[in-house]
Amino acid sequence: MRKIFVQSFGCRASQADGAAIQASLEERGFVTAKKPSEADLVVLNTCTVTHAADLDARRAIRSLHREQPQTQILVTGCYAQRAPDELANLEGVRWVVGNSHKTQIPDLIPARHEDYHGQIFVTDVAGQRQFLATRVKDAYEDRTRPNLKVQDGCSNRCSFCIIPSVRGRSRSATPESVIEQVRDLGQRYTEIVLSGINLGRWGRDLQESLRFVDLLNTILRETNAQRLRISSVEPMDWSDALLDLVAREPRIAKHVHMPLQSGCDAVLKRMFRKYRTRHYANRLDTAHRLMPDAAIGADVMTGFPGETEAEFKECLHFIEQHPFTYLHVFTYSERPGTLAAERGVPVPVEVRRERTRVLRALSDRKNLEFRRRFIGKTLSAVTLDQNGIALTTNFLKIHMGQPREPNRIVELEIGSVGEIGLRERALLPVI
């Protein structure tokens, strides 16, 4: 039996794709290796949301081929969909499989070795209407928290984003397939992460014209899943009904991730985002009012074309004034084929990086203030497959005072704040 190793880059949806690829290959008789050096075939499931993501993929390919020239390399994912020829020309790459053919990977790998470099399997995904994904059966890289992708693609046209062209339009998994997989995963895992490229649009393309909150209610009603976590939902899709359900349902993690991109209306307009700061603030304030102890996170971009110092300060002020508990800060990266890259006035790279540094420092301060609030309190957490670490319902890592079995929901009393998380209150030794 041939050994495989699957490595995914990028978002939660990409992690879910990686888990599905691994499961589909295992069904064909492949055995998963613990590390790339032990594998006959390495699958690199790539991201292309930034130039840095492309660089990471190319470095991984070159390093792998240099250290293990006999290992076969298959490159798939968003970078493979966007620039297949670029990847096929890299030494060591045997197959390039776009998102259009990702579910066909087990059929594309021949049983016997053929000395043919750079085979490309990519077609346009723009016209794809059907949600295609292999079943997720295990937690993959996370090991204790499987990612279940229930939606793919995006029908928005943000001026900076390449994702619609490499993922296609928004498409939803059927409720029946989601329920079947949640039931299966729920037998082995205490927390399941629901993910998608534009998760809040789930159901809009189905005949019943369902909403994401309908899917959550169905999962809660028809499965025994102990804890669900919602990965990321756009501001306009955090409806009152969805926020109310997350707030009152103990089986849903108290975690709201709401992409912001900019806290300046002029920049949001140039980004072609579908909301303004007043709309975002309304959703944010509602979430905080209903769940004052919830994690509230956002994606924020610095250095978008034309972003002035005044516009950046407006964004900074907006973030300072609202109850964010963490930020994912990204430095703007030109993506070929996007309007922002073609028409925008570039911000100097050193200015972009400095603004990123400022926002990350603000994020660190807000997160520290948030963590300090829980000293002396008890939080519900799932134990991870990392030595002595648990993740709370409100997205904080706890260093446990004593070892516990992974993949269990536990109640932990907080004793102090750590460098990046919290520490459980240590029990006094018995004399």
Protein backbone atom coordinates (compact mmCIF):
# COMPACT_ATOMS: atom_id res chain seq x y z
CA MET A 1 0.00 0.00 0.00
CA ARG A 2 1.33 3.44 -0.96
CA LYS A 3 1.80 6.06 1.74
CA ILE A 4 0.39 9.58 1.40
CA PHE A 5 0.76 12.85 3.27
CA VAL A 6 -1.75 15.70 2.80
CA GLN A 7 -0.83 19.26 3.76
CA SER A 8 -3.35 22.11 3.53
CA PHE A 9 -2.70 25.84 3.46
CA GLY A 10 -5.14 28.66 4.19
CA CYS A 11 -8.68 28.83 5.52
CA ARG A 12 -10.94 26.43 7.41
CA ALA A 13 -12.66 25.42 4.17
CA SER A 14 -9.27 24.45 2.75
CA GLN A 15 -8.56 22.38 5.88
CA ALA A 16 -11.89 20.61 5.35
CA ASP A 17 -10.96 19.95 1.72
CA GLY A 18 -7.66 18.45 2.86
CA ALA A 19 -9.43 16.12 5.28
CA ALA A 20 -11.78 15.01 2.51
CA ILE A 21 -8.91 14.36 0.09
CA GLN A 22 -7.13 12.27 2.70
CA ALA A 23 -10.27 10.27 3.45
CA SER A 24 -10.95 9.60 -0.24
CA LEU A 25 -7.39 8.34 -0.80
CA GLU A 26 -7.52 6.12 2.28
CA GLU A 27 -10.69 4.56 0.88
CA ARG A 28 -8.65 3.58 -2.20
CA GLY A 29 -6.09 1.76 -0.07
CA PHE A 30 -3.55 4.50 0.59
CA VAL A 31 -2.07 4.74 4.08
CA THR A 32 -1.49 8.14 5.69
CA ALA A 33 2.11 8.80 6.72
CA LYS A 34 2.95 10.77 9.86
CA LYS A 35 5.27 13.13 7.99
CA PRO A 36 6.15 13.97 4.36
CA SER A 37 9.50 12.15 4.49
CA GLU A 38 7.65 8.86 4.98
CA ALA A 39 5.25 9.33 2.06
CA ASP A 40 5.33 8.10 -1.53
CA LEU A 41 2.85 10.79 -2.53
CA VAL A 42 2.48 14.28 -1.00
CA VAL A 43 -0.66 16.30 -1.73
CA LEU A 44 -0.26 20.06 -1.24
CA ASN A 45 -3.68 21.71 -0.98
CA THR A 46 -2.89 25.36 -1.68
CA CYS A 47 -4.26 28.83 -0.96
CA THR A 48 -3.89 31.86 -3.22
CA VAL A 49 -5.57 34.65 -1.26
CA THR A 50 -2.27 36.58 -1.03
CA HIS A 51 1.12 36.68 -2.74
CA ALA A 52 2.58 35.27 0.49
CA ALA A 53 0.28 32.24 0.22
CA ASP A 54 1.64 31.54 -3.26
CA LEU A 55 5.20 31.87 -1.96
CA ASP A 56 4.50 29.42 0.86
CA ALA A 57 3.27 26.82 -1.62
CA ARG A 58 6.25 27.21 -3.96
CA ARG A 59 8.70 27.01 -1.06
CA ALA A 60 7.02 23.84 0.17
CA ILE A 61 7.24 22.26 -3.29
CA ARG A 62 10.92 23.16 -3.78
CA SER A 63 11.89 22.04 -0.29
CA LEU A 64 10.06 18.74 -0.65
CA HIS A 65 11.58 17.97 -4.03
CA ARG A 66 15.08 18.95 -2.88
CA GLU A 67 14.94 16.74 0.22
CA GLN A 68 12.90 13.86 -1.28
CA PRO A 69 13.36 13.82 -5.08
CA GLN A 70 11.66 10.43 -5.42
CA THR A 71 8.43 11.55 -3.74
CA GLN A 72 5.56 12.27 -6.11
CA ILE A 73 3.93 15.69 -5.62
CA LEU A 74 0.33 16.57 -6.40
CA VAL A 75 -0.65 20.24 -6.10
CA THR A 76 -4.32 21.14 -5.75
CA GLY A 77 -6.48 23.92 -4.31
CA CYS A 78 -6.94 27.57 -5.15
CA TYR A 79 -3.41 28.32 -6.41
CA ALA A 80 -3.65 25.27 -8.68
CA GLN A 81 -6.94 26.58 -10.05
CA ARG A 82 -5.57 30.09 -10.63
CA ALA A 83 -2.14 29.36 -12.12
CA PRO A 84 -1.80 25.68 -13.11
CA ASP A 85 0.97 26.20 -15.68
CA GLU A 86 3.07 28.12 -13.17
CA LEU A 87 2.93 25.21 -10.75
CA ALA A 88 3.34 22.51 -13.41
CA ASN A 89 6.65 24.04 -14.43
CA LEU A 90 8.11 23.59 -10.94
CA GLU A 91 10.54 20.70 -10.65
CA GLY A 92 9.01 17.68 -8.95
CA VAL A 93 5.34 18.48 -9.53
CA ARG A 94 3.65 15.43 -11.05
CA TRP A 95 0.01 16.56 -11.06
CA VAL A 96 -1.73 19.95 -10.85
CA VAL A 97 -5.40 19.51 -9.96
CA GLY A 98 -7.65 22.56 -9.74
CA ASN A 99 -10.68 22.96 -7.50
CA SER A 100 -12.69 21.94 -10.55
CA HIS A 101 -11.28 18.38 -10.28
CA LYS A 102 -10.41 18.15 -6.58
CA THR A 103 -12.98 15.45 -5.82
CA GLN A 104 -11.57 13.33 -8.66
CA ILE A 105 -8.04 13.07 -7.25
CA PRO A 106 -8.28 9.33 -6.37
CA ASP A 107 -9.23 8.61 -10.01
CA LEU A 108 -6.47 10.80 -11.45
CA ILE A 109 -3.60 9.02 -9.71
CA PRO A 110 -2.65 5.95 -11.77
CA ALA A 111 -1.93 2.66 -10.07
CA ARG A 112 1.47 2.38 -11.73
CA HIS A 113 4.11 5.08 -11.96
CA GLU A 114 4.29 6.90 -15.29
CA ASP A 115 7.21 9.22 -15.90
CA TYR A 116 5.12 12.21 -16.93
CA HIS A 117 5.77 15.58 -15.31
CA GLY A 118 3.19 18.30 -14.79
CA GLN A 119 -0.15 16.76 -15.75
CA ILE A 120 -2.82 19.47 -15.44
CA PHE A 121 -6.49 18.88 -14.59
CA VAL A 122 -8.24 22.26 -14.47
CA THR A 123 -11.43 23.62 -16.01
CA ASP A 124 -13.39 26.83 -15.42
CA VAL A 125 -15.37 26.73 -12.15
CA ALA A 126 -17.52 29.78 -12.90
CA GLY A 127 -20.38 27.72 -14.30
CA GLN A 128 -20.37 25.08 -11.59
CA ARG A 129 -23.75 24.88 -9.86
CA GLN A 130 -23.40 21.74 -7.74
CA PHE A 131 -21.74 21.49 -4.35
CA LEU A 132 -19.01 18.86 -4.71
CA ALA A 133 -17.11 17.58 -1.71
CA THR A 134 -15.89 14.23 -0.48
CA ARG A 135 -17.22 13.19 2.92
CA VAL A 136 -15.19 14.30 5.93
CA LYS A 137 -14.63 11.39 8.30
CA ASP A 138 -11.87 12.54 10.62
CA ALA A 139 -10.36 15.63 12.20
CA TYR A 140 -7.25 15.59 9.98
CA GLU A 141 -4.56 18.09 11.10
CA ASP A 142 -6.56 19.46 14.06
CA ARG A 143 -7.11 15.89 15.32
CA THR A 144 -9.82 16.77 17.84
CA ARG A 145 -11.99 19.33 16.00
CA PRO A 146 -13.02 18.27 12.48
CA ASN A 147 -13.87 20.94 9.90
CA LEU A 148 -17.04 20.20 7.98
CA LYS A 149 -17.40 22.31 4.83
CA VAL A 150 -21.09 22.88 4.15
CA GLN A 151 -20.77 25.68 1.57
CA ASP A 152 -18.32 26.52 -1.21
CA GLY A 153 -17.69 29.44 -3.54
CA CYS A 154 -18.75 33.08 -3.32
CA SER A 155 -21.08 35.16 -5.47
CA ASN A 156 -19.79 38.48 -4.12
CA ARG A 157 -17.37 40.51 -6.20
CA CYS A 158 -15.13 42.31 -3.71
CA SER A 159 -12.61 44.32 -5.71
CA PHE A 160 -9.57 42.81 -3.95
CA CYS A 161 -10.58 39.14 -3.93
CA ILE A 162 -9.52 36.37 -6.29
CA ILE A 163 -11.54 33.65 -4.54
CA PRO A 164 -14.75 33.77 -6.67
CA SER A 165 -12.68 33.04 -9.78
CA VAL A 166 -10.97 30.01 -8.21
CA ARG A 167 -13.90 28.67 -6.16
CA GLY A 168 -16.88 29.59 -8.34
CA ARG A 169 -20.25 30.93 -7.24
CA SER A 170 -21.86 30.11 -3.89
CA ARG A 171 -23.06 26.52 -3.61
CA SER A 172 -24.56 24.67 -0.64
CA ALA A 173 -24.36 21.12 0.64
CA THR A 174 -27.79 19.57 1.06
CA PRO A 175 -29.22 19.43 4.59
CA GLU A 176 -29.37 15.63 4.31
CA SER A 177 -25.65 15.27 3.55
CA VAL A 178 -24.72 17.67 6.35
CA ILE A 179 -26.86 15.83 8.89
CA GLU A 180 -25.41 12.47 7.86
CA GLN A 181 -21.84 13.71 8.31
CA VAL A 182 -22.54 15.49 11.60
CA ARG A 183 -24.10 12.32 12.99
CA ASP A 184 -21.04 10.34 11.95
CA LEU A 185 -18.48 12.87 13.25
CA GLY A 186 -20.48 13.42 16.43
CA GLN A 187 -19.92 9.80 17.41
CA ARG A 188 -16.17 10.45 17.68
CA TYR A 189 -15.67 14.18 18.25
CA THR A 190 -17.02 16.58 20.84
CA GLU A 191 -16.66 19.74 18.73
CA ILE A 192 -17.39 20.13 15.01
CA VAL A 193 -16.46 23.30 13.12
CA LEU A 194 -18.86 24.30 10.35
CA SER A 195 -16.97 26.06 7.56
CA GLY A 196 -17.43 27.54 4.10
CA ILE A 197 -16.06 30.17 1.77
CA ASN A 198 -19.14 32.36 2.36
CA LEU A 199 -20.82 30.31 5.07
CA GLY A 200 -23.68 32.70 5.79
CA ARG A 201 -24.97 32.24 2.23
CA TRP A 202 -25.68 28.55 2.86
CA GLY A 203 -29.05 27.50 1.50
CA ARG A 204 -29.73 30.47 -0.80
CA ASP A 205 -29.14 28.32 -3.91
CA LEU A 206 -31.26 25.38 -2.76
CA GLN A 207 -34.82 24.99 -3.98
CA GLU A 208 -36.24 25.52 -0.52
CA SER A 209 -34.37 28.88 -0.28
CA LEU A 210 -33.13 28.04 3.20
CA ARG A 211 -30.96 30.10 5.54
CA PHE A 212 -27.91 29.12 7.59
CA VAL A 213 -29.88 29.41 10.84
CA ASP A 214 -32.27 26.76 9.44
CA LEU A 215 -29.35 24.38 8.97
CA LEU A 216 -28.16 24.96 12.54
CA ASN A 217 -31.64 24.30 13.94
CA THR A 218 -31.88 21.09 11.93
CA ILE A 219 -28.49 19.88 13.17
CA LEU A 220 -29.44 20.62 16.77
CA ARG A 221 -32.78 18.86 16.39
CA GLU A 222 -31.64 15.79 14.47
CA THR A 223 -28.16 15.04 15.83
CA ASN A 224 -26.44 14.58 19.17
CA ALA A 225 -23.49 16.85 18.32
CA GLN A 226 -22.11 18.11 21.62
CA ARG A 227 -20.67 21.40 20.34
CA LEU A 228 -20.84 23.25 17.04
CA ARG A 229 -18.54 26.14 16.18
CA ILE A 230 -19.27 28.58 13.36
CA SER A 231 -16.10 29.51 11.51
CA SER A 232 -16.88 32.87 9.82
CA VAL A 233 -20.01 34.65 8.62
CA GLU A 234 -20.25 37.94 6.73
CA PRO A 235 -21.78 40.90 8.66
CA MET A 236 -24.99 41.04 6.59
CA ASP A 237 -25.65 37.35 7.32
CA TRP A 238 -25.42 37.64 11.12
CA SER A 239 -29.19 38.03 11.36
CA ASP A 240 -31.03 38.62 14.62
CA ALA A 241 -32.29 35.03 14.42
CA LEU A 242 -28.77 33.65 14.01
CA LEU A 243 -27.29 35.74 16.83
CA ASP A 244 -30.18 34.83 19.11
CA LEU A 245 -29.70 31.11 18.42
CA VAL A 246 -25.95 31.25 19.11
CA ALA A 247 -26.60 33.20 22.34
CA ARG A 248 -29.22 30.88 23.82
CA GLU A 249 -28.06 27.48 22.56
CA PRO A 250 -25.46 25.85 24.88
CA ARG A 251 -24.39 23.44 22.12
CA ILE A 252 -23.09 26.29 19.94
CA ALA A 253 -19.74 27.87 20.83
CA LYS A 254 -19.95 31.49 21.95
CA HIS A 255 -17.80 32.72 19.10
CA VAL A 256 -18.69 35.32 16.46
CA HIS A 257 -16.23 35.84 13.61
CA MET A 258 -17.40 38.73 11.41
CA PRO A 259 -15.06 39.89 8.60
CA LEU A 260 -14.59 43.67 8.67
CA GLN A 261 -11.79 44.36 6.14
CA SER A 262 -11.86 48.10 6.97
CA GLY A 263 -13.40 50.39 9.56
CA CYS A 264 -13.57 53.25 7.04
CA ASP A 265 -16.64 53.67 4.81
CA ALA A 266 -14.69 55.18 1.91
CA VAL A 267 -12.39 52.14 1.81
CA LEU A 268 -15.32 49.72 2.15
CA LYS A 269 -16.94 51.40 -0.86
CA ARG A 270 -13.80 50.97 -2.97
CA MET A 271 -13.63 47.34 -1.83
CA PHE A 272 -17.22 46.79 -3.10
CA ARG A 273 -18.21 45.50 0.34
CA LYS A 274 -21.99 45.29 0.86
CA TYR A 275 -22.15 47.10 4.22
CA ARG A 276 -20.90 50.23 5.93
CA THR A 277 -19.50 50.71 9.40
CA ARG A 278 -22.90 51.63 10.88
CA HIS A 279 -24.33 48.31 9.68
CA TYR A 280 -21.33 46.42 11.00
CA ALA A 281 -21.49 48.21 14.37
CA ASN A 282 -25.17 47.29 14.72
CA ARG A 283 -24.43 43.58 14.27
CA LEU A 284 -21.38 43.78 16.52
CA ASP A 285 -23.22 45.58 19.32
CA THR A 286 -26.11 43.10 19.13
CA ALA A 287 -23.71 40.17 19.42
CA HIS A 288 -21.96 41.75 22.41
CA ARG A 289 -25.24 42.61 24.12
CA LEU A 290 -26.55 39.06 23.77
CA MET A 291 -23.19 37.42 24.59
CA PRO A 292 -20.95 39.74 26.65
CA ASP A 293 -18.37 36.97 27.20
CA ALA A 294 -18.27 35.75 23.59
CA ALA A 295 -15.20 35.85 21.38
CA ILE A 296 -15.71 38.47 18.68
CA GLY A 297 -13.16 38.43 15.89
CA ALA A 298 -12.65 40.08 12.54
CA ASP A 299 -10.50 40.00 9.42
CA VAL A 300 -8.94 43.40 8.72
CA MET A 301 -6.88 44.44 5.69
CA THR A 302 -4.21 47.15 5.72
CA GLY A 303 -2.82 49.07 2.78
CA PHE A 304 -5.75 48.65 0.40
CA PRO A 305 -5.06 50.72 -2.77
CA GLY A 306 -5.59 54.40 -2.10
CA GLU A 307 -5.85 53.99 1.69
CA THR A 308 -4.74 57.32 3.15
CA GLU A 309 -3.31 57.90 6.60
CA ALA A 310 -6.61 59.53 7.60
CA GLU A 311 -8.58 56.52 6.38
CA PHE A 312 -6.32 54.15 8.29
CA LYS A 313 -6.75 56.21 11.47
CA GLU A 314 -10.52 56.08 10.96
CA CYS A 315 -10.29 52.29 10.77
CA LEU A 316 -8.06 52.19 13.85
CA HIS A 317 -10.51 54.36 15.82
CA PHE A 318 -13.46 52.16 14.82
CA ILE A 319 -11.68 49.04 16.08
CA GLU A 320 -10.57 50.71 19.29
CA GLN A 321 -14.17 51.74 20.07
CA HIS A 322 -15.73 48.29 19.64
CA PRO A 323 -15.53 45.05 21.66
CA PHE A 324 -13.30 42.96 19.45
CA THR A 325 -11.42 40.20 21.26
CA TYR A 326 -9.00 39.34 18.43
CA LEU A 327 -8.16 40.37 14.86
CA HIS A 328 -6.80 38.52 11.85
CA VAL A 329 -4.79 41.30 10.21
CA PHE A 330 -3.75 40.91 6.57
CA THR A 331 -1.46 43.14 4.56
CA TYR A 332 -3.05 43.90 1.18
CA SER A 333 -1.60 41.80 -1.62
CA GLU A 334 -2.20 42.48 -5.31
CA ARG A 335 -4.01 39.60 -6.97
CA PRO A 336 -3.86 39.40 -10.79
CA GLY A 337 -7.25 39.83 -12.39
CA THR A 338 -8.87 41.83 -9.58
CA LEU A 339 -10.13 45.40 -10.03
CA ALA A 340 -8.15 46.67 -7.05
CA ALA A 341 -4.89 45.44 -8.54
CA GLU A 342 -5.66 46.84 -11.98
CA ARG A 343 -7.05 50.27 -11.07
CA GLY A 344 -5.98 51.11 -7.54
CA VAL A 345 -3.18 53.43 -6.47
CA PRO A 346 -0.71 51.25 -4.52
CA VAL A 347 0.19 52.05 -0.92
CA PRO A 348 3.95 51.68 -0.35
CA VAL A 349 4.77 48.23 1.00
CA GLU A 350 6.61 49.61 4.06
CA VAL A 351 3.50 51.68 4.94
CA ARG A 352 1.27 48.60 4.61
CA ARG A 353 3.54 46.62 6.92
CA GLU A 354 3.66 49.39 9.53
CA ARG A 355 -0.14 49.61 9.58
CA THR A 356 -0.30 45.84 9.98
CA ARG A 357 2.07 46.08 12.94
CA VAL A 358 -0.07 48.77 14.58
CA LEU A 359 -3.29 46.78 14.18
CA ARG A 360 -1.73 43.56 15.45
CA ALA A 361 -0.48 45.39 18.53
CA LEU A 362 -4.03 46.67 19.10
CA SER A 363 -5.36 43.15 18.67
CA ASP A 364 -2.88 41.82 21.25
CA ARG A 365 -3.93 44.51 23.75
CA LYS A 366 -7.64 43.84 23.27
CA ASN A 367 -7.13 40.10 23.60
CA LEU A 368 -5.13 40.53 26.82
CA GLU A 369 -7.89 42.71 28.29
CA PHE A 370 -10.45 40.08 27.30
CA ARG A 371 -8.47 37.24 28.89
CA ARG A 372 -8.02 39.11 32.16
CA ARG A 373 -11.79 39.22 32.61
CA PHE A 374 -11.93 35.48 33.22
CA ILE A 375 -9.51 35.11 36.13
CA GLY A 376 -11.43 33.35 38.88
CA LYS A 377 -14.22 32.24 36.54
CA THR A 378 -15.02 28.79 35.16
CA LEU A 379 -15.10 28.23 31.40
CA SER A 380 -16.29 25.32 29.28
CA ALA A 381 -13.57 23.98 26.97
CA VAL A 382 -12.74 21.07 24.70
CA THR A 383 -9.44 19.31 25.40
CA LEU A 384 -7.13 19.24 22.37
CA ASP A 385 -4.63 16.74 21.08
CA GLN A 386 -1.86 19.05 22.27
CA ASN A 387 -0.14 18.39 25.54
CA GLY A 388 -2.16 20.08 28.28
CA ILE A 389 -4.17 22.49 26.06
CA ALA A 390 -7.92 23.07 25.90
CA LEU A 391 -9.97 25.51 23.79
CA THR A 392 -12.80 27.39 25.47
CA THR A 393 -16.22 27.97 23.99
CA ASN A 394 -15.20 31.62 23.57
CA PHE A 395 -12.02 30.76 21.65
CA LEU A 396 -9.32 31.05 24.31
CA LYS A 397 -6.59 28.49 24.86
CA ILE A 398 -6.14 27.21 28.42
CA HIS A 399 -3.01 25.54 29.74
CA MET A 400 -4.49 22.89 32.01
CA GLY A 401 -3.13 22.28 35.46
CA GLN A 402 -3.36 18.52 35.07
CA PRO A 403 -3.47 16.18 32.04
CA ARG A 404 -6.84 15.18 30.65
CA GLU A 405 -7.86 12.92 27.80
CA PRO A 406 -8.19 14.77 24.47
CA ASN A 407 -11.55 15.33 22.80
CA ARG A 408 -13.56 15.93 25.98
CA ILE A 409 -15.63 18.91 27.12
CA VAL A 410 -14.51 20.01 30.57
CA GLU A 411 -15.16 22.87 33.00
CA LEU A 412 -11.98 24.70 33.96
CA GLU A 413 -11.44 27.33 36.63
CA ILE A 414 -9.11 30.09 35.46
CA GLY A 415 -6.22 30.95 37.73
CA SER A 416 -4.14 33.39 35.70
CA VAL A 417 -3.35 34.85 32.30
CA GLY A 418 -0.59 33.27 30.23
CA GLU A 419 1.53 34.72 27.47
CA ILE A 420 -0.99 33.83 24.75
CA GLY A 421 -3.84 32.20 26.66
CA LEU A 422 -5.07 31.34 30.14
CA ARG A 423 -3.90 29.01 32.88
CA GLU A 424 -6.11 26.71 34.91
CA ARG A 425 -6.09 27.29 38.62
CA ALA A 426 -3.69 24.73 40.03
CA LEU A 427 -4.89 22.48 42.81
CA LEU A 428 -2.93 22.68 46.04
CA PRO A 429 -0.91 19.52 46.68
CA VAL A 430 -2.26 17.22 49.37
CA ILE A 431 0.22 16.95 52.27
